[in-house]
Amino acid sequence: MEVIHKIGRRKTAVARVYVAKGKGNITVNKKAMAEYFPTAPLQYKVNQPLVMTNNDGNFDITVNVYGGGVTGQAEAVRLALSRAMCELDAENRAILKPEGLLTRDPRMVERKKFGQKKARKKFQFSKR
């Protein structure tokens, strides 16, 4: 098996994932995953596709991620890993799709409009 390369996105975060046979080491931006994503919920999000497809310790994973915040980055990594698991074995798609792990979340920040304070908030109106 050669290296599998997949991309995942969430908001403004972009994650590039490289999956190769190995012992289960996950490296994010040249740091250990536990160091880059310190909280348990973020680590759970990243590991979710691996645990669901029973590939938890089978692959060495290298991740390059940039943009957005930590939650967006974790979810971008999750999407990329889900796509990689589907390429490894087509049967994994039936496991991951019902959980919504193969769906690109389309929600983005709405742009600020001129003459307004924010995207939807207006300046305070004074009648007198």
Protein backbone atom coordinates (compact mmCIF):
# COMPACT_ATOMS: atom_id res chain seq x y z
CA MET A 1 0.00 0.00 0.00
CA GLU A 2 1.37 3.38 -1.00
CA VAL A 3 0.59 6.63 0.81
CA ILE A 4 -3.02 7.85 0.51
CA HIS A 5 -3.45 11.63 0.31
CA LYS A 6 -6.83 13.27 1.05
CA ILE A 7 -8.07 16.81 1.80
CA GLY A 8 -10.77 17.87 4.28
CA ARG A 9 -12.21 21.33 4.85
CA ARG A 10 -14.35 23.02 7.52
CA LYS A 11 -15.09 26.77 7.63
CA THR A 12 -11.68 28.23 6.70
CA ALA A 13 -9.60 25.26 7.92
CA VAL A 14 -7.93 22.98 5.37
CA ALA A 15 -6.40 19.63 6.36
CA ARG A 16 -4.13 17.50 4.18
CA VAL A 17 -3.87 13.92 5.44
CA TYR A 18 -1.27 11.33 4.42
CA VAL A 19 -2.09 7.74 5.49
CA ALA A 20 0.52 4.95 5.35
CA LYS A 21 0.88 1.50 6.95
CA GLY A 22 2.34 1.78 10.44
CA LYS A 23 1.84 1.54 14.18
CA GLY A 24 -0.82 4.19 14.76
CA ASN A 25 1.25 7.36 15.14
CA ILE A 26 -0.69 10.54 14.34
CA THR A 27 1.41 13.66 13.67
CA VAL A 28 -0.27 17.05 13.21
CA ASN A 29 1.94 19.88 11.90
CA LYS A 30 5.07 18.00 13.08
CA LYS A 31 3.67 17.63 16.63
CA ALA A 32 2.03 14.68 18.37
CA MET A 33 -1.76 14.75 18.08
CA ALA A 34 -2.18 14.96 21.89
CA GLU A 35 0.07 18.02 21.89
CA TYR A 36 -1.66 19.80 18.97
CA PHE A 37 -5.24 18.90 20.02
CA PRO A 38 -4.95 18.91 23.85
CA THR A 39 -8.61 18.39 24.81
CA ALA A 40 -10.42 15.04 24.79
CA PRO A 41 -13.35 16.14 22.53
CA LEU A 42 -10.94 17.32 19.81
CA GLN A 43 -8.94 14.07 20.01
CA TYR A 44 -12.22 12.11 19.85
CA LYS A 45 -13.24 13.98 16.68
CA VAL A 46 -9.92 13.20 14.99
CA ASN A 47 -9.97 9.50 15.99
CA GLN A 48 -13.67 8.94 15.20
CA PRO A 49 -13.27 7.59 11.61
CA LEU A 50 -10.43 5.28 12.69
CA VAL A 51 -12.33 3.85 15.67
CA MET A 52 -15.55 3.34 13.68
CA THR A 53 -13.72 1.42 10.92
CA ASN A 54 -11.57 -0.58 13.41
CA ASN A 55 -8.31 0.88 12.01
CA ASP A 56 -7.23 2.54 15.27
CA GLY A 57 -3.60 1.34 15.41
CA ASN A 58 -2.99 0.21 11.84
CA PHE A 59 -1.78 3.38 10.11
CA ASP A 60 0.76 6.15 10.54
CA ILE A 61 -0.98 9.43 9.77
CA THR A 62 0.69 12.73 8.92
CA VAL A 63 -1.52 15.82 8.89
CA ASN A 64 -0.83 19.34 7.61
CA VAL A 65 -3.60 21.68 8.74
CA TYR A 66 -3.94 25.46 8.53
CA GLY A 67 -6.60 28.16 8.80
CA GLY A 68 -9.56 28.51 11.13
CA GLY A 69 -9.64 27.58 14.82
CA VAL A 70 -8.88 24.34 16.63
CA THR A 71 -12.42 22.91 16.35
CA GLY A 72 -12.63 23.66 12.62
CA GLN A 73 -9.20 22.13 12.13
CA ALA A 74 -10.16 18.97 14.06
CA GLU A 75 -13.33 18.57 11.97
CA ALA A 76 -11.35 19.16 8.74
CA VAL A 77 -8.94 16.38 9.78
CA ARG A 78 -11.93 14.13 10.57
CA LEU A 79 -13.38 14.63 7.06
CA ALA A 80 -10.03 13.96 5.39
CA LEU A 81 -9.50 10.78 7.45
CA SER A 82 -13.03 9.60 6.63
CA ARG A 83 -12.32 10.04 2.92
CA ALA A 84 -9.04 8.14 3.29
CA MET A 85 -10.78 5.24 5.08
CA CYS A 86 -13.28 5.03 2.21
CA GLU A 87 -10.47 4.81 -0.32
CA LEU A 88 -8.82 2.01 1.68
CA ASP A 89 -11.98 -0.11 1.73
CA ALA A 90 -15.27 0.66 -0.02
CA GLU A 91 -17.21 -1.10 2.78
CA ASN A 92 -16.14 1.66 5.21
CA ARG A 93 -18.41 4.07 3.32
CA ALA A 94 -21.50 2.24 4.63
CA ILE A 95 -20.20 2.70 8.20
CA LEU A 96 -19.19 6.38 7.96
CA LYS A 97 -21.97 7.83 5.77
CA PRO A 98 -24.89 7.32 8.24
CA GLU A 99 -22.86 9.10 10.94
CA GLY A 100 -22.43 12.14 8.66
CA LEU A 101 -18.63 11.89 8.59
CA LEU A 102 -18.42 12.11 4.79
CA THR A 103 -20.49 15.29 4.53
CA ARG A 104 -18.66 18.58 3.96
CA ASP A 105 -20.21 21.09 6.37
CA PRO A 106 -21.13 24.01 4.08
CA ARG A 107 -21.66 26.60 6.82
CA MET A 108 -19.32 29.56 6.39
CA VAL A 109 -19.12 32.98 8.04
CA GLU A 110 -21.45 35.46 6.36
CA ARG A 111 -19.72 38.56 5.04
CA LYS A 112 -20.09 41.97 6.66
CA LYS A 113 -22.27 44.39 4.69
CA PHE A 114 -21.48 48.09 4.31
CA GLY A 115 -23.64 50.47 6.32
CA GLN A 116 -24.07 47.80 9.01
CA LYS A 117 -22.18 46.90 12.16
CA LYS A 118 -21.77 43.19 11.27
CA ALA A 119 -23.29 40.76 8.79
CA ARG A 120 -26.83 41.22 10.09
CA LYS A 121 -26.55 43.61 13.04
CA LYS A 122 -27.47 47.21 12.22
CA PHE A 123 -26.32 50.47 13.76
CA GLN A 124 -28.67 51.71 16.48
CA PHE A 125 -31.63 53.62 15.01
CA SER A 126 -32.53 56.93 16.65
CA LYS A 127 -35.88 58.43 15.78
CA ARG A 128 -35.14 61.77 17.50
